[in-house]
């Protein structure tokens, strides 16, 4: 057992690399290190937020446009309905005048004369 202890004590312990315990220096201490290139994954959330903002703005402007278009169409339809109502009223007045003029005028006494 003594040999085992001697051999075990002479063995080196396995070295674990921990990122928090290591320090790395640049080769050029006096010069500024070049900035690392950005990764595509860094643009994921900004692009998502831009798309979300653009979609919201589009929907908002579309609702405003639809509301204004509705008012314009409603105004045109009301004018058309009023014009058609006026034409119909003129036609009814003309027919009424023709019917009244075509009937012979009778006196109210004719009922008493026939009986």
C-alpha atoms as a PDB file:
ATOM      1  CA  UNK A   1       0.000   0.000   0.000  1.00  0.00           C
ATOM      2  CA  UNK A   2       2.913   2.222   0.590  1.00  0.00           C
ATOM      3  CA  UNK A   3       3.873   1.950  -3.068  1.00  0.00           C
ATOM      4  CA  UNK A   4       0.361   2.953  -4.036  1.00  0.00           C
ATOM      5  CA  UNK A   5       0.554   6.101  -1.906  1.00  0.00           C
ATOM      6  CA  UNK A   6       3.901   7.048  -3.349  1.00  0.00           C
ATOM      7  CA  UNK A   7       2.709   6.511  -6.905  1.00  0.00           C
ATOM      8  CA  UNK A   8      -0.602   8.359  -6.214  1.00  0.00           C
ATOM      9  CA  UNK A   9       1.198  11.329  -4.684  1.00  0.00           C
ATOM     10  CA  UNK A  10       3.473  11.618  -7.710  1.00  0.00           C
ATOM     11  CA  UNK A  11       0.555  11.711 -10.166  1.00  0.00           C
ATOM     12  CA  UNK A  12      -0.533  15.098 -11.390  1.00  0.00           C
ATOM     13  CA  UNK A  13      -4.084  16.105 -10.733  1.00  0.00           C
ATOM     14  CA  UNK A  14      -6.198  16.561 -13.865  1.00  0.00           C
ATOM     15  CA  UNK A  15      -6.269  20.194 -14.883  1.00  0.00           C
ATOM     16  CA  UNK A  16      -9.735  21.633 -15.386  1.00  0.00           C
ATOM     17  CA  UNK A  17     -10.044  24.673 -17.590  1.00  0.00           C
ATOM     18  CA  UNK A  18     -12.528  27.116 -16.276  1.00  0.00           C
ATOM     19  CA  UNK A  19     -13.373  30.165 -18.312  1.00  0.00           C
ATOM     20  CA  UNK A  20     -13.777  32.347 -15.257  1.00  0.00           C
ATOM     21  CA  UNK A  21     -10.326  31.506 -13.911  1.00  0.00           C
ATOM     22  CA  UNK A  22      -8.307  32.080 -17.055  1.00  0.00           C
ATOM     23  CA  UNK A  23      -7.070  35.408 -18.339  1.00  0.00           C
ATOM     24  CA  UNK A  24      -6.037  35.947 -21.925  1.00  0.00           C
ATOM     25  CA  UNK A  25      -4.149  38.940 -23.196  1.00  0.00           C
ATOM     26  CA  UNK A  26      -3.851  40.328 -26.674  1.00  0.00           C
ATOM     27  CA  UNK A  27      -0.502  39.994 -28.329  1.00  0.00           C
ATOM     28  CA  UNK A  28      -0.334  43.718 -28.986  1.00  0.00           C
ATOM     29  CA  UNK A  29      -0.701  45.520 -25.687  1.00  0.00           C
ATOM     30  CA  UNK A  30      -0.221  49.010 -27.134  1.00  0.00           C
ATOM     31  CA  UNK A  31      -2.523  48.648 -30.133  1.00  0.00           C
ATOM     32  CA  UNK A  32      -6.266  48.468 -29.974  1.00  0.00           C
ATOM     33  CA  UNK A  33      -7.759  45.095 -30.806  1.00  0.00           C
ATOM     34  CA  UNK A  34      -9.928  44.966 -33.938  1.00  0.00           C
ATOM     35  CA  UNK A  35     -13.656  44.762 -33.281  1.00  0.00           C
ATOM     36  CA  UNK A  36     -15.101  41.304 -33.834  1.00  0.00           C
ATOM     37  CA  UNK A  37     -17.491  40.915 -36.749  1.00  0.00           C
ATOM     38  CA  UNK A  38     -21.160  40.772 -35.732  1.00  0.00           C
ATOM     39  CA  UNK A  39     -22.990  37.495 -36.039  1.00  0.00           C
ATOM     40  CA  UNK A  40     -26.277  37.125 -37.884  1.00  0.00           C
ATOM     41  CA  UNK A  41     -27.971  35.996 -34.683  1.00  0.00           C
ATOM     42  CA  UNK A  42     -27.337  39.452 -33.199  1.00  0.00           C
ATOM     43  CA  UNK A  43     -29.715  40.945 -35.780  1.00  0.00           C
ATOM     44  CA  UNK A  44     -32.600  38.563 -35.014  1.00  0.00           C
ATOM     45  CA  UNK A  45     -34.447  40.661 -32.424  1.00  0.00           C
ATOM     46  CA  UNK A  46     -33.827  44.069 -34.055  1.00  0.00           C
ATOM     47  CA  UNK A  47     -35.186  42.725 -37.350  1.00  0.00           C
ATOM     48  CA  UNK A  48     -38.154  41.197 -35.554  1.00  0.00           C
ATOM     49  CA  UNK A  49     -38.933  44.490 -33.803  1.00  0.00           C
ATOM     50  CA  UNK A  50     -38.553  46.433 -37.058  1.00  0.00           C
ATOM     51  CA  UNK A  51     -40.951  44.056 -38.811  1.00  0.00           C
ATOM     52  CA  UNK A  52     -43.402  44.320 -35.917  1.00  0.00           C
ATOM     53  CA  UNK A  53     -43.272  48.128 -35.931  1.00  0.00           C
ATOM     54  CA  UNK A  54     -43.666  48.272 -39.723  1.00  0.00           C
ATOM     55  CA  UNK A  55     -46.642  45.886 -39.624  1.00  0.00           C
ATOM     56  CA  UNK A  56     -48.321  47.906 -36.885  1.00  0.00           C
ATOM     57  CA  UNK A  57     -47.796  51.166 -38.779  1.00  0.00           C
ATOM     58  CA  UNK A  58     -49.154  49.604 -41.989  1.00  0.00           C
ATOM     59  CA  UNK A  59     -52.270  48.331 -40.227  1.00  0.00           C
ATOM     60  CA  UNK A  60     -52.846  51.691 -38.546  1.00  0.00           C
ATOM     61  CA  UNK A  61     -52.523  53.626 -41.799  1.00  0.00           C
ATOM     62  CA  UNK A  62     -54.746  51.078 -43.552  1.00  0.00           C
ATOM     63  CA  UNK A  63     -57.494  51.566 -40.945  1.00  0.00           C
ATOM     64  CA  UNK A  64     -57.294  55.357 -41.357  1.00  0.00           C
ATOM     65  CA  UNK A  65     -57.397  55.042 -45.156  1.00  0.00           C
ATOM     66  CA  UNK A  66     -60.335  52.616 -44.987  1.00  0.00           C
ATOM     67  CA  UNK A  67     -62.260  54.993 -42.704  1.00  0.00           C
ATOM     68  CA  UNK A  68     -61.706  57.954 -45.062  1.00  0.00           C
ATOM     69  CA  UNK A  69     -62.624  55.844 -48.095  1.00  0.00           C
ATOM     70  CA  UNK A  70     -65.805  54.710 -46.338  1.00  0.00           C
ATOM     71  CA  UNK A  71     -66.825  58.333 -45.709  1.00  0.00           C
ATOM     72  CA  UNK A  72     -66.254  59.201 -49.372  1.00  0.00           C
ATOM     73  CA  UNK A  73     -68.223  56.205 -50.667  1.00  0.00           C
ATOM     74  CA  UNK A  74     -71.032  56.890 -48.178  1.00  0.00           C
ATOM     75  CA  UNK A  75     -71.246  60.509 -49.379  1.00  0.00           C
ATOM     76  CA  UNK A  76     -71.407  59.388 -53.043  1.00  0.00           C
ATOM     77  CA  UNK A  77     -74.118  56.811 -52.295  1.00  0.00           C
ATOM     78  CA  UNK A  78     -76.220  59.338 -50.366  1.00  0.00           C
ATOM     79  CA  UNK A  79     -76.029  61.770 -53.296  1.00  0.00           C
ATOM     80  CA  UNK A  80     -77.028  59.000 -55.719  1.00  0.00           C
ATOM     81  CA  UNK A  81     -79.950  57.929 -53.492  1.00  0.00           C
ATOM     82  CA  UNK A  82     -81.150  61.534 -53.214  1.00  0.00           C
ATOM     83  CA  UNK A  83     -80.947  61.996 -56.995  1.00  0.00           C
ATOM     84  CA  UNK A  84     -82.914  58.777 -57.612  1.00  0.00           C
ATOM     85  CA  UNK A  85     -85.540  59.758 -55.018  1.00  0.00           C
ATOM     86  CA  UNK A  86     -85.986  63.128 -56.750  1.00  0.00           C
ATOM     87  CA  UNK A  87     -86.397  61.415 -60.140  1.00  0.00           C
ATOM     88  CA  UNK A  88     -88.944  59.013 -58.679  1.00  0.00           C
ATOM     89  CA  UNK A  89     -90.885  61.842 -57.038  1.00  0.00           C
ATOM     90  CA  UNK A  90     -90.959  63.804 -60.320  1.00  0.00           C
ATOM     91  CA  UNK A  91     -92.243  60.735 -62.201  1.00  0.00           C
ATOM     92  CA  UNK A  92     -94.958  60.141 -59.570  1.00  0.00           C
ATOM     93  CA  UNK A  93     -96.010  63.801 -59.693  1.00  0.00           C
ATOM     94  CA  UNK A  94     -96.258  63.679 -63.499  1.00  0.00           C
ATOM     95  CA  UNK A  95     -98.380  60.509 -63.400  1.00  0.00           C
ATOM     96  CA  UNK A  96    -100.608  61.970 -60.681  1.00  0.00           C
ATOM     97  CA  UNK A  97    -101.183  65.136 -62.737  1.00  0.00           C
ATOM     98  CA  UNK A  98    -102.043  63.061 -65.836  1.00  0.00           C
ATOM     99  CA  UNK A  99    -104.475  60.871 -63.873  1.00  0.00           C
ATOM    100  CA  UNK A 100    -106.197  63.837 -62.253  1.00  0.00           C
ATOM    101  CA  UNK A 101    -106.491  65.682 -65.571  1.00  0.00           C
ATOM    102  CA  UNK A 102    -107.839  62.617 -67.417  1.00  0.00           C
ATOM    103  CA  UNK A 103    -110.727  62.029 -65.003  1.00  0.00           C
ATOM    104  CA  UNK A 104    -113.885  63.935 -65.907  1.00  0.00           C
ATOM    105  CA  UNK A 105    -114.857  66.479 -63.345  1.00  0.00           C
ATOM    106  CA  UNK A 106    -118.120  65.530 -61.719  1.00  0.00           C
ATOM    107  CA  UNK A 107    -120.067  67.514 -59.332  1.00  0.00           C
ATOM    108  CA  UNK A 108    -120.831  66.204 -55.877  1.00  0.00           C
ATOM    109  CA  UNK A 109    -124.478  66.496 -56.680  1.00  0.00           C
ATOM    110  CA  UNK A 110    -124.364  63.664 -59.232  1.00  0.00           C
ATOM    111  CA  UNK A 111    -124.724  61.106 -56.475  1.00  0.00           C
ATOM    112  CA  UNK A 112    -128.076  62.670 -55.469  1.00  0.00           C
ATOM    113  CA  UNK A 113    -129.324  62.926 -58.997  1.00  0.00           C
ATOM    114  CA  UNK A 114    -128.840  59.241 -59.813  1.00  0.00           C
ATOM    115  CA  UNK A 115    -130.618  57.957 -56.794  1.00  0.00           C
END
